[in-house]
Amino acid sequence: MGLVLVRVDPKKVEGRIVDVIDYSDTDLVLHEGKDLLKNTGDGFYYSDRPIPVDKQADPIGFVSKKVAEAAASLGKISLLRFHGHGLPGYQSVCMGFDLTVAEGDSPAKKTEAAKYDAFLNSYQSPQDRRGISRWNYPHIATRLKNLAACFAKDGQVWLMGCDVADEPDGPELVKLLAGLWGVPVSAGKDTQYGGDAATFYIEGGIVTGRP
């Protein structure tokens, strides 16, 4: 496992690019979601299949099913990106509340801020199902293992949330997922600002787990 930045040009990869987007947050919808759903970019700014995840009772099961469907219809996946908020050792899939509102000044701030506080007190729970983490990995691994068959020979995964690969828990998460899926899994150690070109790559230091 080491520090590496790999930028993928879809014109050169063997397979396809698929993006999972946490659609429960305003900022992610307006910036990264908007960029990915355009589907009109060039170079590595291209997504063959954006998968928005919003208000799902079972986000992990939903993503597992939709990514497998994408691979079945499009062909093997060379790059799978997860766009959402993050914490060291944690990548959101569908947090279920709006962090942008929670940190803003709208009338809904109090409600969303309470949800955010509850999340911070529970995201390390093995029973959490809003994201993929070092702590819930033993409980969700069997539901995500099917994705291993979806990847091309040059397949890789990027976890695009802030600080996901940061110590002490981030390196362990990418290592676990790389072993599960049989492909390199990368995540950033720093804040990910996203939007425009930054939607499509990991900013700052990167930790990559290898199978």
N, C-alpha and C. Protein backbone atom coordinates (compact mmCIF):
# COMPACT_ATOMS: atom_id res chain seq x y z
N MET A 1 0.84 -1.19 0.00
CA MET A 1 0.00 0.00 0.00
C MET A 1 0.88 1.24 0.00
N GLY A 2 0.58 2.19 -0.92
CA GLY A 2 1.42 3.36 -1.00
C GLY A 2 0.65 4.56 -1.50
N LEU A 3 1.35 5.67 -1.62
CA LEU A 3 0.75 6.89 -2.12
C LEU A 3 0.86 6.93 -3.63
N VAL A 4 -0.25 7.16 -4.30
CA VAL A 4 -0.23 7.16 -5.76
C VAL A 4 -1.42 7.97 -6.26
N LEU A 5 -1.25 8.62 -7.38
CA LEU A 5 -2.35 9.31 -8.04
C LEU A 5 -2.44 8.77 -9.46
N VAL A 6 -3.55 8.16 -9.79
CA VAL A 6 -3.75 7.60 -11.12
C VAL A 6 -4.96 8.29 -11.74
N ARG A 7 -4.77 8.93 -12.86
CA ARG A 7 -5.87 9.55 -13.58
C ARG A 7 -6.18 8.72 -14.81
N VAL A 8 -7.43 8.39 -14.99
CA VAL A 8 -7.82 7.46 -16.02
C VAL A 8 -8.46 8.18 -17.20
N ASP A 9 -7.96 7.92 -18.37
CA ASP A 9 -8.55 8.43 -19.61
C ASP A 9 -9.46 7.34 -20.16
N PRO A 10 -10.79 7.56 -20.21
CA PRO A 10 -11.69 6.51 -20.65
C PRO A 10 -11.48 6.10 -22.10
N LYS A 11 -10.77 6.89 -22.86
CA LYS A 11 -10.47 6.50 -24.24
C LYS A 11 -9.42 5.40 -24.29
N LYS A 12 -8.71 5.18 -23.18
CA LYS A 12 -7.62 4.22 -23.15
C LYS A 12 -7.89 3.01 -22.26
N VAL A 13 -8.88 3.10 -21.39
CA VAL A 13 -9.12 1.99 -20.47
C VAL A 13 -9.86 0.86 -21.19
N GLU A 14 -9.76 -0.31 -20.59
CA GLU A 14 -10.38 -1.49 -21.19
C GLU A 14 -11.90 -1.48 -21.02
N GLY A 15 -12.35 -1.02 -19.87
CA GLY A 15 -13.77 -1.09 -19.55
C GLY A 15 -14.43 0.27 -19.41
N ARG A 16 -15.38 0.34 -18.51
CA ARG A 16 -16.25 1.50 -18.36
C ARG A 16 -16.00 2.24 -17.05
N ILE A 17 -16.57 3.45 -16.96
CA ILE A 17 -16.49 4.25 -15.75
C ILE A 17 -17.89 4.41 -15.17
N VAL A 18 -18.04 4.06 -13.89
CA VAL A 18 -19.32 4.13 -13.20
C VAL A 18 -19.15 4.99 -11.95
N ASP A 19 -20.13 5.85 -11.67
CA ASP A 19 -20.06 6.77 -10.53
C ASP A 19 -21.28 6.60 -9.63
N VAL A 20 -21.03 6.34 -8.35
CA VAL A 20 -22.08 6.30 -7.32
C VAL A 20 -22.08 7.64 -6.61
N ILE A 21 -23.25 8.30 -6.52
CA ILE A 21 -23.32 9.66 -5.98
C ILE A 21 -24.33 9.71 -4.84
N ASP A 22 -23.89 10.15 -3.65
CA ASP A 22 -24.79 10.37 -2.52
C ASP A 22 -25.64 11.60 -2.83
N TYR A 23 -26.93 11.38 -3.08
CA TYR A 23 -27.82 12.46 -3.48
C TYR A 23 -28.63 13.03 -2.32
N SER A 24 -28.22 12.73 -1.08
CA SER A 24 -28.96 13.27 0.06
C SER A 24 -28.47 14.65 0.47
N ASP A 25 -27.39 15.14 -0.18
CA ASP A 25 -26.79 16.42 0.21
C ASP A 25 -26.87 17.44 -0.93
N THR A 26 -27.32 18.65 -0.62
CA THR A 26 -27.51 19.69 -1.63
C THR A 26 -26.23 19.99 -2.39
N ASP A 27 -25.13 20.12 -1.68
CA ASP A 27 -23.87 20.49 -2.33
C ASP A 27 -23.42 19.42 -3.31
N LEU A 28 -23.57 18.17 -2.93
CA LEU A 28 -23.18 17.08 -3.82
C LEU A 28 -24.06 17.04 -5.07
N VAL A 29 -25.35 17.31 -4.90
CA VAL A 29 -26.27 17.32 -6.04
C VAL A 29 -25.94 18.46 -6.99
N LEU A 30 -25.71 19.64 -6.44
CA LEU A 30 -25.51 20.83 -7.27
C LEU A 30 -24.15 20.86 -7.94
N HIS A 31 -23.18 20.22 -7.34
CA HIS A 31 -21.83 20.26 -7.90
C HIS A 31 -21.44 18.93 -8.54
N GLU A 32 -21.10 17.95 -7.75
CA GLU A 32 -20.62 16.71 -8.33
C GLU A 32 -21.72 15.98 -9.11
N GLY A 33 -22.92 15.93 -8.54
CA GLY A 33 -24.01 15.26 -9.25
C GLY A 33 -24.31 15.92 -10.58
N LYS A 34 -24.34 17.22 -10.59
CA LYS A 34 -24.59 17.96 -11.83
C LYS A 34 -23.51 17.68 -12.86
N ASP A 35 -22.26 17.69 -12.43
CA ASP A 35 -21.15 17.43 -13.35
C ASP A 35 -21.25 16.04 -13.96
N LEU A 36 -21.53 15.05 -13.12
CA LEU A 36 -21.54 13.66 -13.57
C LEU A 36 -22.75 13.35 -14.44
N LEU A 37 -23.90 13.93 -14.11
CA LEU A 37 -25.11 13.64 -14.86
C LEU A 37 -25.13 14.33 -16.22
N LYS A 38 -24.27 15.33 -16.41
CA LYS A 38 -24.14 15.94 -17.74
C LYS A 38 -23.73 14.89 -18.76
N ASN A 39 -22.77 14.06 -18.35
CA ASN A 39 -22.30 12.98 -19.20
C ASN A 39 -21.81 13.46 -20.57
N THR A 40 -21.25 14.68 -20.62
CA THR A 40 -20.86 15.24 -21.91
C THR A 40 -19.38 15.64 -21.95
N GLY A 41 -18.62 15.23 -20.95
CA GLY A 41 -17.23 15.66 -20.89
C GLY A 41 -16.32 14.89 -21.83
N ASP A 42 -15.04 15.21 -21.78
CA ASP A 42 -14.07 14.46 -22.55
C ASP A 42 -12.92 14.07 -21.63
N GLY A 43 -11.97 13.30 -22.15
CA GLY A 43 -10.92 12.81 -21.29
C GLY A 43 -11.50 12.02 -20.14
N PHE A 44 -10.94 12.16 -18.91
CA PHE A 44 -11.50 11.38 -17.82
C PHE A 44 -12.68 12.08 -17.16
N TYR A 45 -13.19 13.15 -17.76
CA TYR A 45 -14.36 13.81 -17.22
C TYR A 45 -15.65 13.11 -17.64
N TYR A 46 -15.58 11.85 -17.97
CA TYR A 46 -16.72 11.16 -18.56
C TYR A 46 -17.19 10.06 -17.63
N SER A 47 -18.51 9.90 -17.51
CA SER A 47 -19.08 8.81 -16.74
C SER A 47 -20.02 8.03 -17.64
N ASP A 48 -19.79 6.73 -17.75
CA ASP A 48 -20.68 5.90 -18.54
C ASP A 48 -22.00 5.64 -17.84
N ARG A 49 -22.00 5.64 -16.51
CA ARG A 49 -23.23 5.35 -15.77
C ARG A 49 -23.21 6.02 -14.39
N PRO A 50 -23.78 7.24 -14.27
CA PRO A 50 -23.95 7.83 -12.93
C PRO A 50 -25.09 7.12 -12.20
N ILE A 51 -24.88 6.81 -10.93
CA ILE A 51 -25.89 6.14 -10.11
C ILE A 51 -26.20 7.02 -8.89
N PRO A 52 -27.24 7.88 -8.96
CA PRO A 52 -27.61 8.68 -7.79
C PRO A 52 -28.25 7.79 -6.72
N VAL A 53 -27.91 8.03 -5.46
CA VAL A 53 -28.47 7.26 -4.34
C VAL A 53 -29.15 8.25 -3.39
N ASP A 54 -30.47 8.16 -3.27
CA ASP A 54 -31.21 9.13 -2.46
C ASP A 54 -32.38 8.44 -1.78
N LYS A 55 -32.47 8.61 -0.48
CA LYS A 55 -33.60 8.12 0.31
C LYS A 55 -33.82 6.63 0.14
N GLN A 56 -32.74 5.89 0.14
CA GLN A 56 -32.83 4.44 0.05
C GLN A 56 -32.85 3.83 1.45
N ALA A 57 -33.77 2.91 1.66
CA ALA A 57 -33.81 2.22 2.95
C ALA A 57 -32.60 1.32 3.13
N ASP A 58 -32.06 0.85 2.00
CA ASP A 58 -30.91 -0.06 2.02
C ASP A 58 -29.88 0.42 0.99
N PRO A 59 -29.13 1.48 1.31
CA PRO A 59 -28.19 2.03 0.33
C PRO A 59 -27.15 1.03 -0.17
N ILE A 60 -26.63 0.19 0.72
CA ILE A 60 -25.60 -0.77 0.33
C ILE A 60 -26.16 -1.78 -0.67
N GLY A 61 -27.32 -2.32 -0.38
CA GLY A 61 -27.95 -3.26 -1.29
C GLY A 61 -28.30 -2.62 -2.63
N PHE A 62 -28.76 -1.38 -2.59
CA PHE A 62 -29.12 -0.65 -3.81
C PHE A 62 -27.89 -0.47 -4.70
N VAL A 63 -26.79 -0.04 -4.09
CA VAL A 63 -25.56 0.19 -4.86
C VAL A 63 -25.02 -1.11 -5.42
N SER A 64 -25.02 -2.15 -4.62
CA SER A 64 -24.55 -3.45 -5.08
C SER A 64 -25.32 -3.90 -6.32
N LYS A 65 -26.62 -3.74 -6.28
CA LYS A 65 -27.47 -4.15 -7.40
C LYS A 65 -27.23 -3.28 -8.63
N LYS A 66 -27.18 -1.96 -8.45
CA LYS A 66 -27.07 -1.04 -9.58
C LYS A 66 -25.71 -1.11 -10.26
N VAL A 67 -24.65 -1.28 -9.49
CA VAL A 67 -23.32 -1.40 -10.09
C VAL A 67 -23.24 -2.70 -10.88
N ALA A 68 -23.78 -3.78 -10.34
CA ALA A 68 -23.79 -5.05 -11.07
C ALA A 68 -24.60 -4.93 -12.36
N GLU A 69 -25.72 -4.22 -12.30
CA GLU A 69 -26.53 -4.01 -13.50
C GLU A 69 -25.77 -3.19 -14.54
N ALA A 70 -25.02 -2.19 -14.07
CA ALA A 70 -24.23 -1.37 -14.99
C ALA A 70 -23.18 -2.22 -15.70
N ALA A 71 -22.51 -3.08 -14.96
CA ALA A 71 -21.49 -3.94 -15.57
C ALA A 71 -22.12 -4.92 -16.56
N ALA A 72 -23.31 -5.40 -16.24
CA ALA A 72 -23.97 -6.36 -17.12
C ALA A 72 -24.40 -5.69 -18.43
N SER A 73 -24.83 -4.44 -18.37
CA SER A 73 -25.33 -3.77 -19.57
C SER A 73 -24.25 -3.04 -20.35
N LEU A 74 -23.24 -2.51 -19.64
CA LEU A 74 -22.20 -1.72 -20.30
C LEU A 74 -20.95 -2.51 -20.63
N GLY A 75 -20.66 -3.50 -19.82
CA GLY A 75 -19.40 -4.22 -19.91
C GLY A 75 -18.59 -4.01 -18.63
N LYS A 76 -17.48 -4.67 -18.53
CA LYS A 76 -16.65 -4.61 -17.32
C LYS A 76 -16.24 -3.17 -16.98
N ILE A 77 -16.11 -2.93 -15.68
CA ILE A 77 -15.84 -1.58 -15.16
C ILE A 77 -14.34 -1.40 -14.92
N SER A 78 -13.78 -0.32 -15.48
CA SER A 78 -12.38 0.01 -15.23
C SER A 78 -12.23 0.97 -14.06
N LEU A 79 -13.23 1.79 -13.80
CA LEU A 79 -13.15 2.74 -12.69
C LEU A 79 -14.52 2.92 -12.07
N LEU A 80 -14.60 2.63 -10.77
CA LEU A 80 -15.81 2.85 -9.98
C LEU A 80 -15.49 3.92 -8.96
N ARG A 81 -16.23 5.05 -9.01
CA ARG A 81 -15.99 6.15 -8.08
C ARG A 81 -17.20 6.31 -7.15
N PHE A 82 -16.93 6.50 -5.86
CA PHE A 82 -17.96 6.78 -4.86
C PHE A 82 -17.85 8.26 -4.47
N HIS A 83 -18.89 9.04 -4.77
CA HIS A 83 -18.91 10.46 -4.45
C HIS A 83 -19.83 10.69 -3.26
N GLY A 84 -19.30 11.23 -2.19
CA GLY A 84 -20.08 11.51 -1.00
C GLY A 84 -19.16 12.06 0.08
N HIS A 85 -19.73 12.42 1.20
CA HIS A 85 -18.92 12.92 2.31
C HIS A 85 -18.12 11.78 2.93
N GLY A 86 -17.06 12.15 3.63
CA GLY A 86 -16.23 11.14 4.24
C GLY A 86 -15.62 11.58 5.56
N LEU A 87 -15.12 10.62 6.27
CA LEU A 87 -14.35 10.79 7.49
C LEU A 87 -13.27 9.71 7.46
N PRO A 88 -12.22 9.82 8.26
CA PRO A 88 -11.20 8.79 8.24
C PRO A 88 -11.79 7.39 8.44
N GLY A 89 -11.63 6.53 7.45
CA GLY A 89 -12.17 5.18 7.54
C GLY A 89 -13.62 5.05 7.15
N TYR A 90 -14.22 6.11 6.59
CA TYR A 90 -15.66 6.11 6.29
C TYR A 90 -15.95 6.83 4.98
N GLN A 91 -16.65 6.17 4.06
CA GLN A 91 -17.12 6.76 2.82
C GLN A 91 -18.64 6.67 2.78
N SER A 92 -19.32 7.82 2.70
CA SER A 92 -20.78 7.77 2.66
C SER A 92 -21.26 7.23 1.33
N VAL A 93 -22.41 6.56 1.38
CA VAL A 93 -23.14 6.12 0.19
C VAL A 93 -24.45 6.88 0.10
N CYS A 94 -25.16 6.98 1.21
CA CYS A 94 -26.36 7.81 1.30
C CYS A 94 -26.56 8.16 2.78
N MET A 95 -26.06 9.32 3.17
CA MET A 95 -26.08 9.70 4.59
C MET A 95 -27.49 9.94 5.12
N GLY A 96 -28.41 10.34 4.23
CA GLY A 96 -29.79 10.51 4.65
C GLY A 96 -30.12 11.84 5.28
N PHE A 97 -29.16 12.76 5.26
CA PHE A 97 -29.42 14.11 5.72
C PHE A 97 -28.56 15.06 4.91
N ASP A 98 -28.89 16.36 5.02
CA ASP A 98 -28.23 17.36 4.18
C ASP A 98 -27.19 18.11 4.99
N LEU A 99 -25.93 17.74 4.82
CA LEU A 99 -24.85 18.38 5.57
C LEU A 99 -24.71 19.85 5.19
N THR A 100 -24.94 20.16 3.92
CA THR A 100 -24.86 21.56 3.48
C THR A 100 -25.85 22.43 4.24
N VAL A 101 -27.07 21.94 4.42
CA VAL A 101 -28.10 22.67 5.18
C VAL A 101 -27.71 22.72 6.65
N ALA A 102 -27.21 21.62 7.19
CA ALA A 102 -26.83 21.56 8.60
C ALA A 102 -25.78 22.60 8.95
N GLU A 103 -24.91 22.92 7.99
CA GLU A 103 -23.84 23.88 8.23
C GLU A 103 -24.20 25.28 7.72
N GLY A 104 -25.42 25.46 7.24
CA GLY A 104 -25.83 26.75 6.67
C GLY A 104 -26.74 27.54 7.60
N ASP A 105 -27.59 28.38 7.02
CA ASP A 105 -28.44 29.28 7.81
C ASP A 105 -29.92 29.19 7.43
N SER A 106 -30.32 28.12 6.78
CA SER A 106 -31.71 27.99 6.35
C SER A 106 -32.60 27.61 7.53
N PRO A 107 -33.94 27.74 7.37
CA PRO A 107 -34.86 27.35 8.45
C PRO A 107 -34.74 25.88 8.84
N ALA A 108 -34.26 25.05 7.91
CA ALA A 108 -34.14 23.62 8.20
C ALA A 108 -32.84 23.26 8.90
N LYS A 109 -32.03 24.27 9.19
CA LYS A 109 -30.71 24.01 9.78
C LYS A 109 -30.79 23.17 11.06
N LYS A 110 -31.69 23.51 11.95
CA LYS A 110 -31.75 22.83 13.24
C LYS A 110 -32.03 21.34 13.08
N THR A 111 -32.96 21.01 12.20
CA THR A 111 -33.32 19.60 11.99
C THR A 111 -32.16 18.82 11.39
N GLU A 112 -31.54 19.38 10.36
CA GLU A 112 -30.45 18.68 9.70
C GLU A 112 -29.20 18.63 10.59
N ALA A 113 -28.99 19.68 11.38
CA ALA A 113 -27.85 19.68 12.30
C ALA A 113 -28.00 18.58 13.36
N ALA A 114 -29.23 18.36 13.81
CA ALA A 114 -29.47 17.29 14.79
C ALA A 114 -29.18 15.92 14.17
N LYS A 115 -29.54 15.76 12.90
CA LYS A 115 -29.23 14.50 12.20
C LYS A 115 -27.73 14.32 12.05
N TYR A 116 -27.04 15.42 11.79
CA TYR A 116 -25.59 15.36 11.64
C TYR A 116 -24.93 14.97 12.95
N ASP A 117 -25.39 15.56 14.05
CA ASP A 117 -24.84 15.21 15.36
C ASP A 117 -25.06 13.73 15.68
N ALA A 118 -26.26 13.24 15.33
CA ALA A 118 -26.55 11.83 15.56
C ALA A 118 -25.64 10.94 14.72
N PHE A 119 -25.37 11.38 13.50
CA PHE A 119 -24.47 10.63 12.63
C PHE A 119 -23.06 10.56 13.22
N LEU A 120 -22.55 11.69 13.69
CA LEU A 120 -21.20 11.72 14.26
C LEU A 120 -21.08 10.81 15.47
N ASN A 121 -22.19 10.57 16.15
CA ASN A 121 -22.18 9.71 17.33
C ASN A 121 -22.37 8.23 16.98
N SER A 122 -22.64 7.94 15.69
CA SER A 122 -22.99 6.57 15.36
C SER A 122 -22.29 6.01 14.12
N TYR A 123 -21.52 6.83 13.38
CA TYR A 123 -20.98 6.35 12.11
C TYR A 123 -19.97 5.22 12.28
N GLN A 124 -19.38 5.09 13.46
CA GLN A 124 -18.44 4.00 13.70
C GLN A 124 -19.13 2.73 14.18
N SER A 125 -20.45 2.74 14.18
CA SER A 125 -21.18 1.55 14.61
C SER A 125 -21.09 0.45 13.54
N PRO A 126 -20.90 -0.80 13.95
CA PRO A 126 -20.92 -1.91 12.99
C PRO A 126 -22.27 -2.05 12.28
N GLN A 127 -23.33 -1.49 12.88
CA GLN A 127 -24.66 -1.59 12.30
C GLN A 127 -24.97 -0.44 11.32
N ASP A 128 -24.08 0.51 11.18
CA ASP A 128 -24.33 1.62 10.25
C ASP A 128 -24.46 1.08 8.82
N ARG A 129 -25.45 1.58 8.08
CA ARG A 129 -25.66 1.14 6.71
C ARG A 129 -25.71 2.33 5.74
N ARG A 130 -25.27 3.51 6.20
CA ARG A 130 -25.30 4.70 5.35
C ARG A 130 -24.05 4.85 4.51
N GLY A 131 -23.04 4.05 4.82
CA GLY A 131 -21.79 4.17 4.10
C GLY A 131 -20.99 2.88 4.18
N ILE A 132 -19.75 2.97 3.71
CA ILE A 132 -18.82 1.85 3.75
C ILE A 132 -17.69 2.26 4.69
N SER A 133 -17.48 1.47 5.72
CA SER A 133 -16.49 1.88 6.73
C SER A 133 -15.68 0.71 7.24
N ARG A 134 -14.62 1.05 7.92
CA ARG A 134 -13.79 0.02 8.55
C ARG A 134 -14.59 -0.74 9.60
N TRP A 135 -15.56 -0.08 10.23
CA TRP A 135 -16.29 -0.67 11.34
C TRP A 135 -17.46 -1.55 10.89
N ASN A 136 -18.12 -1.18 9.80
CA ASN A 136 -19.24 -2.02 9.36
C ASN A 136 -18.82 -3.04 8.29
N TYR A 137 -17.56 -3.01 7.90
CA TYR A 137 -17.09 -3.90 6.84
C TYR A 137 -17.45 -5.37 7.07
N PRO A 138 -17.26 -5.93 8.27
CA PRO A 138 -17.60 -7.34 8.45
C PRO A 138 -19.07 -7.65 8.18
N HIS A 139 -19.93 -6.64 8.32
CA HIS A 139 -21.37 -6.85 8.17
C HIS A 139 -21.87 -6.58 6.76
N ILE A 140 -21.12 -5.84 5.97
CA ILE A 140 -21.58 -5.51 4.61
C ILE A 140 -20.74 -6.18 3.53
N ALA A 141 -19.63 -6.80 3.90
CA ALA A 141 -18.72 -7.37 2.91
C ALA A 141 -19.41 -8.39 2.02
N THR A 142 -20.25 -9.25 2.62
CA THR A 142 -20.91 -10.28 1.81
C THR A 142 -21.87 -9.66 0.80
N ARG A 143 -22.39 -8.46 1.10
CA ARG A 143 -23.35 -7.81 0.21
C ARG A 143 -22.65 -7.04 -0.91
N LEU A 144 -21.36 -6.78 -0.73
CA LEU A 144 -20.59 -6.05 -1.74
C LEU A 144 -19.63 -6.94 -2.52
N LYS A 145 -19.48 -8.18 -2.09
CA LYS A 145 -18.49 -9.06 -2.71
C LYS A 145 -18.80 -9.32 -4.18
N ASN A 146 -20.08 -9.27 -4.55
CA ASN A 146 -20.45 -9.53 -5.94
C ASN A 146 -19.83 -8.54 -6.92
N LEU A 147 -19.41 -7.37 -6.42
CA LEU A 147 -18.82 -6.38 -7.31
C LEU A 147 -17.47 -6.82 -7.86
N ALA A 148 -16.83 -7.79 -7.22
CA ALA A 148 -15.54 -8.27 -7.70
C ALA A 148 -15.63 -8.78 -9.13
N ALA A 149 -16.78 -9.33 -9.49
CA ALA A 149 -16.95 -9.87 -10.84
C ALA A 149 -17.24 -8.78 -11.87
N CYS A 150 -17.40 -7.55 -11.43
CA CYS A 150 -17.80 -6.46 -12.33
C CYS A 150 -16.61 -5.74 -12.96
N PHE A 151 -15.40 -6.00 -12.46
CA PHE A 151 -14.25 -5.18 -12.87
C PHE A 151 -13.47 -5.77 -14.04
N ALA A 152 -12.99 -4.87 -14.89
CA ALA A 152 -12.08 -5.24 -15.96
C ALA A 152 -10.70 -5.55 -15.37
N LYS A 153 -9.79 -6.02 -16.21
CA LYS A 153 -8.44 -6.35 -15.74
C LYS A 153 -7.73 -5.14 -15.17
N ASP A 154 -8.05 -3.94 -15.69
CA ASP A 154 -7.43 -2.71 -15.18
C ASP A 154 -8.32 -2.00 -14.18
N GLY A 155 -9.27 -2.72 -13.60
CA GLY A 155 -10.25 -2.11 -12.70
C GLY A 155 -9.64 -1.49 -11.46
N GLN A 156 -10.30 -0.44 -10.97
CA GLN A 156 -9.91 0.20 -9.72
C GLN A 156 -11.11 0.96 -9.16
N VAL A 157 -11.02 1.29 -7.87
CA VAL A 157 -12.08 2.00 -7.16
C VAL A 157 -11.49 3.24 -6.52
N TRP A 158 -12.23 4.36 -6.61
CA TRP A 158 -11.85 5.59 -5.91
C TRP A 158 -12.95 5.95 -4.92
N LEU A 159 -12.59 6.16 -3.67
CA LEU A 159 -13.50 6.67 -2.64
C LEU A 159 -13.24 8.18 -2.56
N MET A 160 -14.23 9.00 -2.93
CA MET A 160 -14.00 10.41 -3.19
C MET A 160 -14.34 11.34 -2.02
N GLY A 161 -14.72 10.78 -0.86
CA GLY A 161 -15.06 11.61 0.28
C GLY A 161 -13.84 12.25 0.94
N CYS A 162 -14.09 13.31 1.71
CA CYS A 162 -13.01 13.99 2.42
C CYS A 162 -12.36 13.05 3.45
N ASP A 163 -11.04 13.04 3.49
CA ASP A 163 -10.27 12.43 4.58
C ASP A 163 -10.45 10.92 4.72
N VAL A 164 -11.07 10.26 3.75
CA VAL A 164 -11.40 8.84 3.91
C VAL A 164 -10.16 8.00 4.21
N ALA A 165 -9.04 8.32 3.57
CA ALA A 165 -7.83 7.52 3.74
C ALA A 165 -6.93 7.99 4.88
N ASP A 166 -7.38 8.98 5.63
CA ASP A 166 -6.54 9.53 6.68
C ASP A 166 -6.39 8.55 7.83
N GLU A 167 -5.31 8.70 8.57
CA GLU A 167 -5.06 7.87 9.75
C GLU A 167 -6.08 8.22 10.84
N PRO A 168 -6.38 7.28 11.73
CA PRO A 168 -5.75 5.97 11.83
C PRO A 168 -6.50 4.86 11.08
N ASP A 169 -7.73 5.16 10.59
CA ASP A 169 -8.58 4.08 10.09
C ASP A 169 -8.69 4.00 8.58
N GLY A 170 -8.30 5.06 7.87
CA GLY A 170 -8.44 5.07 6.43
C GLY A 170 -7.64 4.00 5.70
N PRO A 171 -6.34 3.85 6.00
CA PRO A 171 -5.55 2.84 5.29
C PRO A 171 -6.12 1.43 5.44
N GLU A 172 -6.68 1.13 6.60
CA GLU A 172 -7.25 -0.20 6.82
C GLU A 172 -8.47 -0.41 5.92
N LEU A 173 -9.29 0.63 5.73
CA LEU A 173 -10.49 0.51 4.90
C LEU A 173 -10.13 0.20 3.45
N VAL A 174 -9.20 0.96 2.86
CA VAL A 174 -8.87 0.71 1.46
C VAL A 174 -8.21 -0.66 1.29
N LYS A 175 -7.48 -1.10 2.29
CA LYS A 175 -6.86 -2.43 2.23
C LYS A 175 -7.93 -3.52 2.25
N LEU A 176 -8.92 -3.37 3.11
CA LEU A 176 -10.00 -4.36 3.20
C LEU A 176 -10.78 -4.45 1.89
N LEU A 177 -11.12 -3.30 1.32
CA LEU A 177 -11.92 -3.28 0.10
C LEU A 177 -11.13 -3.82 -1.09
N ALA A 178 -9.84 -3.52 -1.14
CA ALA A 178 -9.01 -4.06 -2.22
C ALA A 178 -8.98 -5.58 -2.17
N GLY A 179 -8.89 -6.12 -0.97
CA GLY A 179 -8.90 -7.56 -0.83
C GLY A 179 -10.24 -8.17 -1.22
N LEU A 180 -11.32 -7.47 -0.91
CA LEU A 180 -12.67 -7.95 -1.21
C LEU A 180 -12.93 -7.97 -2.71
N TRP A 181 -12.52 -6.90 -3.40
CA TRP A 181 -12.87 -6.73 -4.81
C TRP A 181 -11.78 -7.18 -5.77
N GLY A 182 -10.57 -7.39 -5.26
CA GLY A 182 -9.50 -7.84 -6.12
C GLY A 182 -8.95 -6.78 -7.05
N VAL A 183 -9.15 -5.51 -6.71
CA VAL A 183 -8.64 -4.39 -7.51
C VAL A 183 -8.08 -3.33 -6.57
N PRO A 184 -7.20 -2.45 -7.05
CA PRO A 184 -6.72 -1.35 -6.20
C PRO A 184 -7.87 -0.42 -5.79
N VAL A 185 -7.85 0.00 -4.54
CA VAL A 185 -8.85 0.94 -4.01
C VAL A 185 -8.11 2.14 -3.45
N SER A 186 -8.44 3.34 -3.95
CA SER A 186 -7.75 4.56 -3.55
C SER A 186 -8.71 5.53 -2.87
N ALA A 187 -8.17 6.33 -1.95
CA ALA A 187 -8.94 7.38 -1.29
C ALA A 187 -7.99 8.50 -0.88
N GLY A 188 -8.54 9.68 -0.67
CA GLY A 188 -7.74 10.84 -0.31
C GLY A 188 -7.57 11.00 1.18
N LYS A 189 -6.45 11.62 1.56
CA LYS A 189 -6.17 11.90 2.97
C LYS A 189 -6.61 13.30 3.37
N ASP A 190 -7.08 14.09 2.38
CA ASP A 190 -7.34 15.51 2.62
C ASP A 190 -8.78 15.87 2.23
N THR A 191 -9.11 17.15 2.44
CA THR A 191 -10.41 17.66 2.04
C THR A 191 -10.57 17.54 0.52
N GLN A 192 -11.75 17.10 0.10
CA GLN A 192 -12.08 16.99 -1.32
C GLN A 192 -13.13 18.06 -1.64
N TYR A 193 -12.73 19.05 -2.40
CA TYR A 193 -13.63 20.18 -2.63
C TYR A 193 -14.64 19.89 -3.72
N GLY A 194 -14.29 19.12 -4.72
CA GLY A 194 -15.24 18.72 -5.75
C GLY A 194 -15.74 19.88 -6.58
N GLY A 195 -16.58 19.59 -7.54
CA GLY A 195 -17.12 20.59 -8.43
C GLY A 195 -16.20 20.84 -9.61
N ASP A 196 -16.79 20.90 -10.81
CA ASP A 196 -16.04 21.10 -12.05
C ASP A 196 -14.98 20.00 -12.18
N ALA A 197 -13.75 20.36 -12.55
CA ALA A 197 -12.72 19.35 -12.80
C ALA A 197 -12.44 18.50 -11.56
N ALA A 198 -12.54 19.11 -10.36
CA ALA A 198 -12.22 18.39 -9.14
C ALA A 198 -13.22 17.27 -8.82
N THR A 199 -14.36 17.26 -9.51
CA THR A 199 -15.32 16.18 -9.33
C THR A 199 -14.74 14.84 -9.76
N PHE A 200 -13.78 14.87 -10.65
CA PHE A 200 -13.37 13.67 -11.36
C PHE A 200 -12.03 13.09 -10.91
N TYR A 201 -11.42 13.67 -9.90
CA TYR A 201 -10.18 13.09 -9.39
C TYR A 201 -10.07 13.32 -7.89
N ILE A 202 -9.15 12.61 -7.26
CA ILE A 202 -8.92 12.73 -5.83
C ILE A 202 -7.89 13.83 -5.60
N GLU A 203 -8.20 14.74 -4.70
CA GLU A 203 -7.32 15.88 -4.41
C GLU A 203 -6.39 15.56 -3.24
N GLY A 204 -5.14 16.03 -3.36
CA GLY A 204 -4.19 15.88 -2.26
C GLY A 204 -3.57 14.49 -2.19
N GLY A 205 -3.06 14.15 -1.00
CA GLY A 205 -2.42 12.86 -0.81
C GLY A 205 -3.39 11.71 -0.94
N ILE A 206 -2.94 10.62 -1.52
CA ILE A 206 -3.79 9.48 -1.80
C ILE A 206 -3.16 8.20 -1.24
N VAL A 207 -3.97 7.39 -0.61
CA VAL A 207 -3.54 6.07 -0.14
C VAL A 207 -4.25 5.02 -0.99
N THR A 208 -3.51 4.06 -1.50
CA THR A 208 -4.07 3.00 -2.33
C THR A 208 -3.84 1.65 -1.66
N GLY A 209 -4.93 0.93 -1.46
CA GLY A 209 -4.84 -0.45 -1.01
C GLY A 209 -4.82 -1.37 -2.22
N ARG A 210 -3.97 -2.37 -2.19
CA ARG A 210 -3.84 -3.29 -3.32
C ARG A 210 -4.17 -4.73 -2.89
N PRO A 211 -4.80 -5.46 -3.81
CA PRO A 211 -5.19 -6.84 -3.43
C PRO A 211 -3.98 -7.75 -3.24
